[in-house]
Amino acid sequence: MFSYQIDDQLSLTIPRPQLDAEPLFKLVDENRSYLSPWLPWVPKMASVRDEEQFLTSVLQHFGNGSSVNLVIRDTRQPVGMISLNSFRQQDHSTEIGYWLGQQFAGQNIMHRAVLGLCDLSFTDYDLNKIEIHAAVENLPSNNVAQKAGFHLDGQVRAQELLVDGYHDGNVWSLLKDEWQQQRSVL
């Protein structure tokens, strides 16, 4: 398994569709009511086969360099996913997306995963800016961005179409030089 080790418990791994589809689908299925308000794809994820097809497609995206989707593993168990959703060449930037099973919330997992993906983004992908977009009402996601040192750039009206309609969104960003400053303080 190809992985990026964040610490002794947490790693980010390239998905293995045949092996990861079942545990990831189970995690989504157990957390539908928790995830659905913020992730419009959740209702469409109806079977292990759907998850396997999704994981296969993200491997193709990884192969052609259009995105990076990684499984978040806590001591080898999948607990969610995190991604670089696209790469914008004109400004060397990307947007991070993520989800985590509710039973793993409050354990600092997503904070560590975001910091790990920032490390990969700024070093291995030589990016200059990373954004996180979160519905204004999605307090856990906004807290992750803030805690990871992202700057609140502002709000965009009707930025996200979620299951119950359009929501205003916060746009958070972190620049490479800000990230390097944060790391030097640690």
C-alpha atoms as a PDB file:
ATOM      1  CA  MET A   1       0.000   0.000   0.000  1.00  0.00           C
ATOM      2  CA  PHE A   2       1.367   3.408  -0.992  1.00  0.00           C
ATOM      3  CA  SER A   3       1.005   5.765   1.928  1.00  0.00           C
ATOM      4  CA  TYR A   4       2.105   9.041   3.448  1.00  0.00           C
ATOM      5  CA  GLN A   5       2.641   8.579   7.181  1.00  0.00           C
ATOM      6  CA  ILE A   6       1.479  11.619   9.153  1.00  0.00           C
ATOM      7  CA  ASP A   7       2.295  10.270  12.617  1.00  0.00           C
ATOM      8  CA  ASP A   8       2.398   6.930  14.421  1.00  0.00           C
ATOM      9  CA  GLN A   9      -1.390   6.490  14.085  1.00  0.00           C
ATOM     10  CA  LEU A  10      -2.493   8.371  10.982  1.00  0.00           C
ATOM     11  CA  SER A  11      -1.668   7.914   7.304  1.00  0.00           C
ATOM     12  CA  LEU A  12      -2.995   8.951   3.906  1.00  0.00           C
ATOM     13  CA  THR A  13      -3.082   6.155   1.341  1.00  0.00           C
ATOM     14  CA  ILE A  14      -3.838   5.764  -2.327  1.00  0.00           C
ATOM     15  CA  PRO A  15      -7.159   3.897  -2.535  1.00  0.00           C
ATOM     16  CA  ARG A  16      -7.239   0.227  -3.417  1.00  0.00           C
ATOM     17  CA  PRO A  17     -10.699  -0.147  -5.007  1.00  0.00           C
ATOM     18  CA  GLN A  18     -11.228  -3.857  -4.402  1.00  0.00           C
ATOM     19  CA  LEU A  19      -9.955  -3.743  -0.809  1.00  0.00           C
ATOM     20  CA  ASP A  20     -11.143  -0.311   0.326  1.00  0.00           C
ATOM     21  CA  ALA A  21     -14.600  -0.159  -1.291  1.00  0.00           C
ATOM     22  CA  GLU A  22     -16.384  -2.253   1.325  1.00  0.00           C
ATOM     23  CA  PRO A  23     -15.058  -0.550   4.490  1.00  0.00           C
ATOM     24  CA  LEU A  24     -15.445   2.927   2.969  1.00  0.00           C
ATOM     25  CA  PHE A  25     -18.990   2.208   1.790  1.00  0.00           C
ATOM     26  CA  LYS A  26     -19.852   0.872   5.241  1.00  0.00           C
ATOM     27  CA  LEU A  27     -18.473   4.063   6.802  1.00  0.00           C
ATOM     28  CA  VAL A  28     -20.530   6.239   4.433  1.00  0.00           C
ATOM     29  CA  ASP A  29     -23.633   4.091   4.963  1.00  0.00           C
ATOM     30  CA  GLU A  30     -23.346   4.287   8.782  1.00  0.00           C
ATOM     31  CA  ASN A  31     -22.885   8.076   8.574  1.00  0.00           C
ATOM     32  CA  ARG A  32     -25.470   9.053   5.951  1.00  0.00           C
ATOM     33  CA  SER A  33     -27.411  11.442   8.167  1.00  0.00           C
ATOM     34  CA  TYR A  34     -24.165  13.037   9.398  1.00  0.00           C
ATOM     35  CA  LEU A  35     -22.575  13.441   5.939  1.00  0.00           C
ATOM     36  CA  SER A  36     -25.576  14.092   3.668  1.00  0.00           C
ATOM     37  CA  PRO A  37     -26.237  17.721   4.653  1.00  0.00           C
ATOM     38  CA  TRP A  38     -22.757  18.735   3.438  1.00  0.00           C
ATOM     39  CA  LEU A  39     -21.892  16.221   0.714  1.00  0.00           C
ATOM     40  CA  PRO A  40     -24.355  15.962  -2.190  1.00  0.00           C
ATOM     41  CA  TRP A  41     -22.821  12.716  -3.465  1.00  0.00           C
ATOM     42  CA  VAL A  42     -23.757  10.689  -0.350  1.00  0.00           C
ATOM     43  CA  PRO A  43     -27.320   9.742  -1.447  1.00  0.00           C
ATOM     44  CA  LYS A  44     -25.916   8.512  -4.782  1.00  0.00           C
ATOM     45  CA  MET A  45     -23.455   6.169  -3.052  1.00  0.00           C
ATOM     46  CA  ALA A  46     -25.883   3.243  -2.822  1.00  0.00           C
ATOM     47  CA  SER A  47     -23.676   0.138  -2.885  1.00  0.00           C
ATOM     48  CA  VAL A  48     -20.184  -1.273  -2.447  1.00  0.00           C
ATOM     49  CA  ARG A  49     -20.043  -1.423  -6.247  1.00  0.00           C
ATOM     50  CA  ASP A  50     -20.692   2.357  -6.429  1.00  0.00           C
ATOM     51  CA  GLU A  51     -17.807   2.939  -4.025  1.00  0.00           C
ATOM     52  CA  GLU A  52     -15.520   0.631  -5.995  1.00  0.00           C
ATOM     53  CA  GLN A  53     -16.350   2.475  -9.235  1.00  0.00           C
ATOM     54  CA  PHE A  54     -15.678   5.810  -7.541  1.00  0.00           C
ATOM     55  CA  LEU A  55     -12.315   4.629  -6.187  1.00  0.00           C
ATOM     56  CA  THR A  56     -11.364   3.300  -9.623  1.00  0.00           C
ATOM     57  CA  SER A  57     -12.226   6.650 -11.206  1.00  0.00           C
ATOM     58  CA  VAL A  58     -10.146   8.596  -8.670  1.00  0.00           C
ATOM     59  CA  LEU A  59      -7.166   6.384  -9.449  1.00  0.00           C
ATOM     60  CA  GLN A  60      -7.586   7.378 -13.103  1.00  0.00           C
ATOM     61  CA  HIS A  61      -7.679  11.046 -12.060  1.00  0.00           C
ATOM     62  CA  PHE A  62      -4.515  10.506 -10.016  1.00  0.00           C
ATOM     63  CA  GLY A  63      -2.876   8.867 -13.023  1.00  0.00           C
ATOM     64  CA  ASN A  64      -3.688  11.741 -15.368  1.00  0.00           C
ATOM     65  CA  GLY A  65      -2.749  14.370 -12.769  1.00  0.00           C
ATOM     66  CA  SER A  66      -6.153  16.022 -12.435  1.00  0.00           C
ATOM     67  CA  SER A  67      -6.787  15.266  -8.734  1.00  0.00           C
ATOM     68  CA  VAL A  68      -5.536  13.285  -5.744  1.00  0.00           C
ATOM     69  CA  ASN A  69      -7.970  11.357  -3.511  1.00  0.00           C
ATOM     70  CA  LEU A  70      -6.565   9.610  -0.470  1.00  0.00           C
ATOM     71  CA  VAL A  71      -7.978   7.346   2.217  1.00  0.00           C
ATOM     72  CA  ILE A  72      -7.438   8.594   5.764  1.00  0.00           C
ATOM     73  CA  ARG A  73      -6.358   5.629   7.892  1.00  0.00           C
ATOM     74  CA  ASP A  74      -6.179   5.603  11.664  1.00  0.00           C
ATOM     75  CA  THR A  75      -4.030   2.621  12.678  1.00  0.00           C
ATOM     76  CA  ARG A  76      -4.798   0.927   9.336  1.00  0.00           C
ATOM     77  CA  GLN A  77      -8.598   1.422   9.506  1.00  0.00           C
ATOM     78  CA  PRO A  78     -10.277   3.770   6.981  1.00  0.00           C
ATOM     79  CA  VAL A  79     -11.914   6.692   8.802  1.00  0.00           C
ATOM     80  CA  GLY A  80     -12.613   9.022   5.859  1.00  0.00           C
ATOM     81  CA  MET A  81     -11.104  10.555   2.745  1.00  0.00           C
ATOM     82  CA  ILE A  82      -9.285  13.729   1.783  1.00  0.00           C
ATOM     83  CA  SER A  83      -8.551  15.116  -1.664  1.00  0.00           C
ATOM     84  CA  LEU A  84      -6.922  17.735  -3.812  1.00  0.00           C
ATOM     85  CA  ASN A  85      -9.898  18.300  -6.093  1.00  0.00           C
ATOM     86  CA  SER A  86      -8.173  19.990  -8.997  1.00  0.00           C
ATOM     87  CA  PHE A  87      -4.973  21.739  -9.896  1.00  0.00           C
ATOM     88  CA  ARG A  88      -5.130  25.263 -11.299  1.00  0.00           C
ATOM     89  CA  GLN A  89      -1.959  25.862 -13.295  1.00  0.00           C
ATOM     90  CA  GLN A  90      -2.443  29.619 -13.687  1.00  0.00           C
ATOM     91  CA  ASP A  91      -1.909  30.281  -9.961  1.00  0.00           C
ATOM     92  CA  HIS A  92      -0.417  26.965  -8.757  1.00  0.00           C
ATOM     93  CA  SER A  93      -3.336  26.277  -6.444  1.00  0.00           C
ATOM     94  CA  THR A  94      -5.765  23.556  -5.453  1.00  0.00           C
ATOM     95  CA  GLU A  95      -8.784  22.981  -3.242  1.00  0.00           C
ATOM     96  CA  ILE A  96      -8.909  20.426  -0.442  1.00  0.00           C
ATOM     97  CA  GLY A  97     -12.065  18.406   0.150  1.00  0.00           C
ATOM     98  CA  TYR A  98     -12.614  15.950   2.997  1.00  0.00           C
ATOM     99  CA  TRP A  99     -15.030  13.844   4.976  1.00  0.00           C
ATOM    100  CA  LEU A 100     -14.746  11.836   8.186  1.00  0.00           C
ATOM    101  CA  GLY A 101     -17.003   9.325   9.917  1.00  0.00           C
ATOM    102  CA  GLN A 102     -18.799  10.917  12.871  1.00  0.00           C
ATOM    103  CA  GLN A 103     -17.420   8.308  15.277  1.00  0.00           C
ATOM    104  CA  PHE A 104     -13.928   9.672  14.535  1.00  0.00           C
ATOM    105  CA  ALA A 105     -14.790  13.359  14.970  1.00  0.00           C
ATOM    106  CA  GLY A 106     -13.281  15.261  17.874  1.00  0.00           C
ATOM    107  CA  GLN A 107     -10.025  13.259  17.804  1.00  0.00           C
ATOM    108  CA  ASN A 108      -7.942  15.792  15.849  1.00  0.00           C
ATOM    109  CA  ILE A 109      -7.846  13.395  12.886  1.00  0.00           C
ATOM    110  CA  MET A 110      -9.010  15.786  10.170  1.00  0.00           C
ATOM    111  CA  HIS A 111      -6.754  18.556  11.447  1.00  0.00           C
ATOM    112  CA  ARG A 112      -3.742  16.241  11.169  1.00  0.00           C
ATOM    113  CA  ALA A 113      -4.874  14.947   7.768  1.00  0.00           C
ATOM    114  CA  VAL A 114      -5.236  18.491   6.398  1.00  0.00           C
ATOM    115  CA  LEU A 115      -1.772  19.435   7.686  1.00  0.00           C
ATOM    116  CA  GLY A 116      -0.324  16.282   6.120  1.00  0.00           C
ATOM    117  CA  LEU A 117      -1.954  17.017   2.783  1.00  0.00           C
ATOM    118  CA  CYS A 118      -0.699  20.612   2.960  1.00  0.00           C
ATOM    119  CA  ASP A 119       2.818  19.242   3.454  1.00  0.00           C
ATOM    120  CA  LEU A 120       2.433  17.041   0.363  1.00  0.00           C
ATOM    121  CA  SER A 121       0.885  19.870  -1.653  1.00  0.00           C
ATOM    122  CA  PHE A 122       3.532  22.457  -0.918  1.00  0.00           C
ATOM    123  CA  THR A 123       6.533  20.133  -1.178  1.00  0.00           C
ATOM    124  CA  ASP A 124       5.711  17.369  -3.681  1.00  0.00           C
ATOM    125  CA  TYR A 125       3.288  19.316  -5.882  1.00  0.00           C
ATOM    126  CA  ASP A 126       5.051  22.692  -5.560  1.00  0.00           C
ATOM    127  CA  LEU A 127       1.784  24.550  -5.081  1.00  0.00           C
ATOM    128  CA  ASN A 128       1.551  28.139  -3.872  1.00  0.00           C
ATOM    129  CA  LYS A 129      -2.008  28.213  -2.517  1.00  0.00           C
ATOM    130  CA  ILE A 130      -4.497  25.761  -1.058  1.00  0.00           C
ATOM    131  CA  GLU A 131      -8.157  26.587  -0.552  1.00  0.00           C
ATOM    132  CA  ILE A 132     -10.875  25.030   1.566  1.00  0.00           C
ATOM    133  CA  HIS A 133     -14.479  25.847   0.676  1.00  0.00           C
ATOM    134  CA  ALA A 134     -17.096  25.157   3.346  1.00  0.00           C
ATOM    135  CA  ALA A 135     -20.750  26.016   3.716  1.00  0.00           C
ATOM    136  CA  VAL A 136     -21.065  28.809   6.273  1.00  0.00           C
ATOM    137  CA  GLU A 137     -23.231  26.553   8.471  1.00  0.00           C
ATOM    138  CA  ASN A 138     -20.769  23.643   8.356  1.00  0.00           C
ATOM    139  CA  LEU A 139     -19.046  24.551  11.615  1.00  0.00           C
ATOM    140  CA  PRO A 140     -16.837  21.428  11.877  1.00  0.00           C
ATOM    141  CA  SER A 141     -15.365  22.008   8.423  1.00  0.00           C
ATOM    142  CA  ASN A 142     -14.817  25.716   9.059  1.00  0.00           C
ATOM    143  CA  ASN A 143     -13.144  24.867  12.382  1.00  0.00           C
ATOM    144  CA  VAL A 144     -10.748  22.471  10.613  1.00  0.00           C
ATOM    145  CA  ALA A 145      -9.700  25.231   8.201  1.00  0.00           C
ATOM    146  CA  GLN A 146      -9.235  27.789  10.948  1.00  0.00           C
ATOM    147  CA  LYS A 147      -7.305  25.441  13.240  1.00  0.00           C
ATOM    148  CA  ALA A 148      -4.990  24.462  10.367  1.00  0.00           C
ATOM    149  CA  GLY A 149      -4.007  28.114   9.968  1.00  0.00           C
ATOM    150  CA  PHE A 150      -6.052  28.940   6.874  1.00  0.00           C
ATOM    151  CA  HIS A 151      -7.075  32.572   6.318  1.00  0.00           C
ATOM    152  CA  LEU A 152     -10.773  33.363   5.841  1.00  0.00           C
ATOM    153  CA  ASP A 153     -10.779  35.168   2.493  1.00  0.00           C
ATOM    154  CA  GLY A 154     -14.522  35.816   2.537  1.00  0.00           C
ATOM    155  CA  GLN A 155     -17.953  34.470   1.779  1.00  0.00           C
ATOM    156  CA  VAL A 156     -19.453  33.642  -1.594  1.00  0.00           C
ATOM    157  CA  ARG A 157     -23.210  33.773  -1.939  1.00  0.00           C
ATOM    158  CA  ALA A 158     -24.953  30.577  -3.059  1.00  0.00           C
ATOM    159  CA  GLN A 159     -21.581  28.865  -3.501  1.00  0.00           C
ATOM    160  CA  GLU A 160     -22.662  25.294  -2.760  1.00  0.00           C
ATOM    161  CA  LEU A 161     -25.692  23.340  -3.950  1.00  0.00           C
ATOM    162  CA  LEU A 162     -26.426  20.889  -1.158  1.00  0.00           C
ATOM    163  CA  VAL A 163     -29.352  18.490  -0.690  1.00  0.00           C
ATOM    164  CA  ASP A 164     -31.584  21.214   0.768  1.00  0.00           C
ATOM    165  CA  GLY A 165     -30.647  23.978  -1.695  1.00  0.00           C
ATOM    166  CA  TYR A 166     -27.992  26.624  -2.155  1.00  0.00           C
ATOM    167  CA  HIS A 167     -25.753  27.659   0.730  1.00  0.00           C
ATOM    168  CA  ASP A 168     -23.362  30.551   1.125  1.00  0.00           C
ATOM    169  CA  GLY A 169     -19.781  29.374   1.446  1.00  0.00           C
ATOM    170  CA  ASN A 170     -16.650  30.435   3.255  1.00  0.00           C
ATOM    171  CA  VAL A 171     -13.445  30.451   1.232  1.00  0.00           C
ATOM    172  CA  TRP A 172     -10.316  29.758   3.277  1.00  0.00           C
ATOM    173  CA  SER A 173      -6.767  29.855   1.903  1.00  0.00           C
ATOM    174  CA  LEU A 174      -3.246  29.032   2.974  1.00  0.00           C
ATOM    175  CA  LEU A 175      -0.204  30.250   1.055  1.00  0.00           C
ATOM    176  CA  LYS A 176       3.067  28.375   0.836  1.00  0.00           C
ATOM    177  CA  ASP A 177       5.022  31.090   2.665  1.00  0.00           C
ATOM    178  CA  GLU A 178       2.428  31.134   5.484  1.00  0.00           C
ATOM    179  CA  TRP A 179       2.702  27.348   5.786  1.00  0.00           C
ATOM    180  CA  GLN A 180       6.504  27.576   5.902  1.00  0.00           C
ATOM    181  CA  GLN A 181       6.247  30.196   8.660  1.00  0.00           C
ATOM    182  CA  GLN A 182       3.889  27.997  10.662  1.00  0.00           C
ATOM    183  CA  ARG A 183       6.250  25.034  10.353  1.00  0.00           C
ATOM    184  CA  SER A 184       9.251  27.060  11.475  1.00  0.00           C
ATOM    185  CA  VAL A 185       7.424  28.024  14.685  1.00  0.00           C
ATOM    186  CA  LEU A 186       6.724  24.374  15.527  1.00  0.00           C
END
